[in-house]
N, C-alpha and C. Protein backbone atom coordinates (compact mmCIF):
# COMPACT_ATOMS: atom_id res chain seq x y z
N UNK A 1 -0.18 8.32 -23.72
CA UNK A 1 -0.10 8.21 -22.27
C UNK A 1 -1.50 8.02 -21.70
N UNK A 2 -1.63 7.00 -20.83
CA UNK A 2 -2.94 6.72 -20.25
C UNK A 2 -3.25 7.70 -19.13
N UNK A 3 -4.51 8.08 -19.07
CA UNK A 3 -4.98 8.90 -17.97
C UNK A 3 -5.42 7.99 -16.84
N UNK A 4 -5.55 8.53 -15.64
CA UNK A 4 -5.95 7.76 -14.47
C UNK A 4 -7.26 7.01 -14.68
N UNK A 5 -8.21 7.64 -15.36
CA UNK A 5 -9.51 7.00 -15.55
C UNK A 5 -9.50 6.00 -16.70
N UNK A 6 -8.35 5.83 -17.38
CA UNK A 6 -8.21 4.86 -18.46
C UNK A 6 -7.60 3.55 -17.98
N UNK A 7 -7.56 3.32 -16.69
CA UNK A 7 -6.96 2.11 -16.15
C UNK A 7 -7.80 0.90 -16.51
N UNK A 8 -7.09 -0.21 -16.71
CA UNK A 8 -7.79 -1.46 -16.99
C UNK A 8 -8.39 -1.99 -15.70
N UNK A 9 -9.28 -2.95 -15.84
CA UNK A 9 -9.89 -3.60 -14.68
C UNK A 9 -8.80 -4.20 -13.79
N UNK A 10 -7.82 -4.84 -14.41
CA UNK A 10 -6.75 -5.48 -13.65
C UNK A 10 -5.93 -4.46 -12.85
N UNK A 11 -5.65 -3.31 -13.47
CA UNK A 11 -4.90 -2.26 -12.76
C UNK A 11 -5.70 -1.73 -11.58
N UNK A 12 -6.97 -1.47 -11.78
CA UNK A 12 -7.82 -0.98 -10.68
C UNK A 12 -7.91 -2.03 -9.57
N UNK A 13 -8.07 -3.30 -9.95
CA UNK A 13 -8.18 -4.37 -8.98
C UNK A 13 -6.90 -4.52 -8.17
N UNK A 14 -5.74 -4.39 -8.82
CA UNK A 14 -4.46 -4.48 -8.11
C UNK A 14 -4.33 -3.35 -7.10
N UNK A 15 -4.75 -2.14 -7.46
CA UNK A 15 -4.70 -1.02 -6.53
C UNK A 15 -5.62 -1.26 -5.33
N UNK A 16 -6.80 -1.79 -5.60
CA UNK A 16 -7.75 -2.08 -4.51
C UNK A 16 -7.15 -3.13 -3.58
N UNK A 17 -6.61 -4.21 -4.17
CA UNK A 17 -6.03 -5.27 -3.35
C UNK A 17 -4.84 -4.76 -2.54
N UNK A 18 -3.99 -3.93 -3.14
CA UNK A 18 -2.83 -3.41 -2.42
C UNK A 18 -3.28 -2.53 -1.26
N UNK A 19 -4.22 -1.65 -1.51
CA UNK A 19 -4.73 -0.77 -0.46
C UNK A 19 -5.35 -1.56 0.68
N UNK A 20 -6.13 -2.57 0.33
CA UNK A 20 -6.75 -3.42 1.35
C UNK A 20 -5.70 -4.18 2.15
N UNK A 21 -4.65 -4.65 1.47
CA UNK A 21 -3.58 -5.38 2.15
C UNK A 21 -2.87 -4.47 3.15
N UNK A 22 -2.59 -3.25 2.74
CA UNK A 22 -1.90 -2.31 3.64
C UNK A 22 -2.76 -2.05 4.86
N UNK A 23 -4.04 -1.81 4.65
CA UNK A 23 -4.94 -1.56 5.78
C UNK A 23 -5.01 -2.76 6.71
N UNK A 24 -5.12 -3.96 6.12
CA UNK A 24 -5.21 -5.18 6.92
C UNK A 24 -3.92 -5.38 7.74
N UNK A 25 -2.77 -5.24 7.10
CA UNK A 25 -1.50 -5.39 7.82
C UNK A 25 -1.36 -4.35 8.92
N UNK A 26 -1.74 -3.13 8.60
CA UNK A 26 -1.63 -2.04 9.58
C UNK A 26 -2.44 -2.38 10.82
N UNK A 27 -3.63 -2.89 10.62
CA UNK A 27 -4.49 -3.25 11.76
C UNK A 27 -3.95 -4.46 12.51
N UNK A 28 -3.40 -5.45 11.79
CA UNK A 28 -2.81 -6.62 12.44
C UNK A 28 -1.62 -6.21 13.32
N UNK A 29 -0.88 -5.22 12.88
CA UNK A 29 0.28 -4.75 13.64
C UNK A 29 -0.10 -3.68 14.68
N UNK A 30 -1.38 -3.36 14.74
CA UNK A 30 -1.88 -2.31 15.64
C UNK A 30 -1.20 -0.97 15.39
N UNK A 31 -0.99 -0.67 14.10
CA UNK A 31 -0.41 0.61 13.71
C UNK A 31 -1.54 1.54 13.26
N UNK A 32 -1.37 2.80 13.53
CA UNK A 32 -2.26 3.81 12.99
C UNK A 32 -1.71 4.26 11.64
N UNK A 33 -2.50 4.99 10.90
CA UNK A 33 -1.99 5.57 9.66
C UNK A 33 -0.81 6.49 9.96
N UNK A 34 -0.87 7.17 11.08
CA UNK A 34 0.22 8.05 11.48
C UNK A 34 1.51 7.24 11.75
N UNK A 35 1.38 6.07 12.38
CA UNK A 35 2.53 5.20 12.61
C UNK A 35 3.18 4.81 11.29
N UNK A 36 2.37 4.40 10.33
CA UNK A 36 2.90 4.00 9.03
C UNK A 36 3.51 5.19 8.30
N UNK A 37 2.88 6.33 8.42
CA UNK A 37 3.43 7.54 7.80
C UNK A 37 4.82 7.83 8.37
N UNK A 38 4.97 7.72 9.68
CA UNK A 38 6.28 7.93 10.30
C UNK A 38 7.30 6.91 9.83
N UNK A 39 6.88 5.66 9.71
CA UNK A 39 7.80 4.58 9.33
C UNK A 39 8.19 4.62 7.86
N UNK A 40 7.35 5.20 7.01
CA UNK A 40 7.62 5.25 5.57
C UNK A 40 8.07 6.62 5.10
N UNK A 41 7.95 7.62 5.97
CA UNK A 41 8.24 9.01 5.60
C UNK A 41 7.27 9.51 4.52
N UNK A 42 6.06 8.98 4.52
CA UNK A 42 4.98 9.45 3.66
C UNK A 42 3.98 10.20 4.53
N UNK A 43 3.16 11.01 3.93
CA UNK A 43 2.16 11.73 4.71
C UNK A 43 1.00 10.81 5.07
N UNK A 44 0.28 11.16 6.12
CA UNK A 44 -0.90 10.38 6.48
C UNK A 44 -1.95 10.46 5.37
N UNK A 45 -2.00 11.59 4.66
CA UNK A 45 -2.93 11.72 3.54
C UNK A 45 -2.59 10.72 2.44
N UNK A 46 -1.29 10.52 2.18
CA UNK A 46 -0.88 9.56 1.17
C UNK A 46 -1.24 8.14 1.60
N UNK A 47 -1.00 7.82 2.86
CA UNK A 47 -1.36 6.50 3.38
C UNK A 47 -2.86 6.28 3.21
N UNK A 48 -3.65 7.26 3.55
CA UNK A 48 -5.10 7.16 3.41
C UNK A 48 -5.50 6.94 1.95
N UNK A 49 -4.90 7.71 1.03
CA UNK A 49 -5.23 7.55 -0.39
C UNK A 49 -4.86 6.16 -0.90
N UNK A 50 -3.72 5.64 -0.45
CA UNK A 50 -3.31 4.30 -0.86
C UNK A 50 -4.30 3.27 -0.34
N UNK A 51 -4.63 3.37 0.95
CA UNK A 51 -5.56 2.41 1.55
C UNK A 51 -6.95 2.47 0.92
N UNK A 52 -7.34 3.64 0.48
CA UNK A 52 -8.66 3.81 -0.11
C UNK A 52 -8.62 3.76 -1.62
N UNK A 53 -7.51 3.21 -2.15
CA UNK A 53 -7.36 2.92 -3.58
C UNK A 53 -7.39 4.16 -4.46
N UNK A 54 -6.97 5.27 -3.92
CA UNK A 54 -6.96 6.49 -4.71
C UNK A 54 -5.59 6.85 -5.23
N UNK A 55 -4.59 6.05 -4.92
CA UNK A 55 -3.24 6.40 -5.35
C UNK A 55 -2.46 5.12 -5.61
N UNK A 56 -1.83 5.05 -6.78
CA UNK A 56 -0.99 3.90 -7.05
C UNK A 56 0.42 4.19 -6.52
N UNK A 57 1.22 3.15 -6.41
CA UNK A 57 2.56 3.29 -5.84
C UNK A 57 3.58 2.58 -6.71
N UNK A 58 4.81 3.05 -6.62
CA UNK A 58 5.92 2.42 -7.33
C UNK A 58 6.66 1.44 -6.44
N UNK A 59 7.63 0.79 -6.99
CA UNK A 59 8.37 -0.24 -6.27
C UNK A 59 9.12 0.34 -5.07
N UNK A 60 9.61 1.57 -5.18
CA UNK A 60 10.29 2.20 -4.05
C UNK A 60 9.37 2.37 -2.85
N UNK A 61 8.14 2.77 -3.11
CA UNK A 61 7.17 2.94 -2.04
C UNK A 61 6.75 1.59 -1.46
N UNK A 62 6.63 0.60 -2.33
CA UNK A 62 6.30 -0.74 -1.86
C UNK A 62 7.39 -1.23 -0.90
N UNK A 63 8.63 -0.97 -1.26
CA UNK A 63 9.74 -1.37 -0.38
C UNK A 63 9.66 -0.64 0.96
N UNK A 64 9.27 0.62 0.96
CA UNK A 64 9.11 1.36 2.22
C UNK A 64 8.06 0.69 3.11
N UNK A 65 6.97 0.22 2.50
CA UNK A 65 5.94 -0.46 3.27
C UNK A 65 6.47 -1.77 3.84
N UNK A 66 7.21 -2.53 3.04
CA UNK A 66 7.79 -3.79 3.54
C UNK A 66 8.70 -3.50 4.73
N UNK A 67 9.52 -2.49 4.63
CA UNK A 67 10.41 -2.12 5.74
C UNK A 67 9.61 -1.66 6.96
N UNK A 68 8.52 -0.94 6.72
CA UNK A 68 7.69 -0.44 7.83
C UNK A 68 7.10 -1.60 8.63
N UNK A 69 6.81 -2.71 7.93
CA UNK A 69 6.28 -3.89 8.60
C UNK A 69 7.38 -4.89 8.96
N UNK A 70 8.63 -4.47 8.76
CA UNK A 70 9.80 -5.27 9.11
C UNK A 70 9.76 -6.65 8.44
N UNK A 71 9.50 -6.64 7.12
CA UNK A 71 9.39 -7.88 6.35
C UNK A 71 10.27 -7.80 5.12
N UNK A 72 10.84 -8.94 4.72
CA UNK A 72 11.47 -8.97 3.40
C UNK A 72 10.38 -8.84 2.33
N UNK A 73 10.75 -8.38 1.16
CA UNK A 73 9.77 -8.16 0.10
C UNK A 73 8.99 -9.44 -0.22
N UNK A 74 9.66 -10.59 -0.21
CA UNK A 74 8.96 -11.84 -0.54
C UNK A 74 7.84 -12.13 0.45
N UNK A 75 8.09 -11.90 1.71
CA UNK A 75 7.04 -12.11 2.72
C UNK A 75 5.93 -11.07 2.56
N UNK A 76 6.33 -9.83 2.31
CA UNK A 76 5.36 -8.75 2.12
C UNK A 76 4.41 -9.09 0.97
N UNK A 77 4.97 -9.53 -0.16
CA UNK A 77 4.13 -9.85 -1.32
C UNK A 77 3.28 -11.08 -1.09
N UNK A 78 3.68 -11.96 -0.18
CA UNK A 78 2.84 -13.12 0.12
C UNK A 78 1.51 -12.69 0.72
N UNK A 79 1.48 -11.56 1.42
CA UNK A 79 0.22 -11.04 1.96
C UNK A 79 -0.67 -10.50 0.86
N UNK A 80 -0.06 -10.02 -0.20
CA UNK A 80 -0.81 -9.48 -1.33
C UNK A 80 -1.62 -10.57 -2.02
N UNK A 81 -1.12 -11.78 -2.00
CA UNK A 81 -1.75 -12.89 -2.70
C UNK A 81 -2.90 -13.52 -1.92
N UNK A 82 -3.05 -13.19 -0.65
CA UNK A 82 -4.08 -13.82 0.18
C UNK A 82 -5.46 -13.35 -0.21
């Protein structure tokens, strides 16, 4: 079992990109971290950790973010690729 500090470059980069994407979308929508926390039922601390690349997320959480931004998953992931 891999430890957190044993992540590959690609895994770390994906976390950084995802966190940056969430922060960028949140600002584009004029949402606060508290707004996103309310919309996803996650804590503001969790939102902060995700945005600052300190926490990885599973597909269920990704879907919560897509719903919070009122987007289908395909549109949500299109922002990840930018």
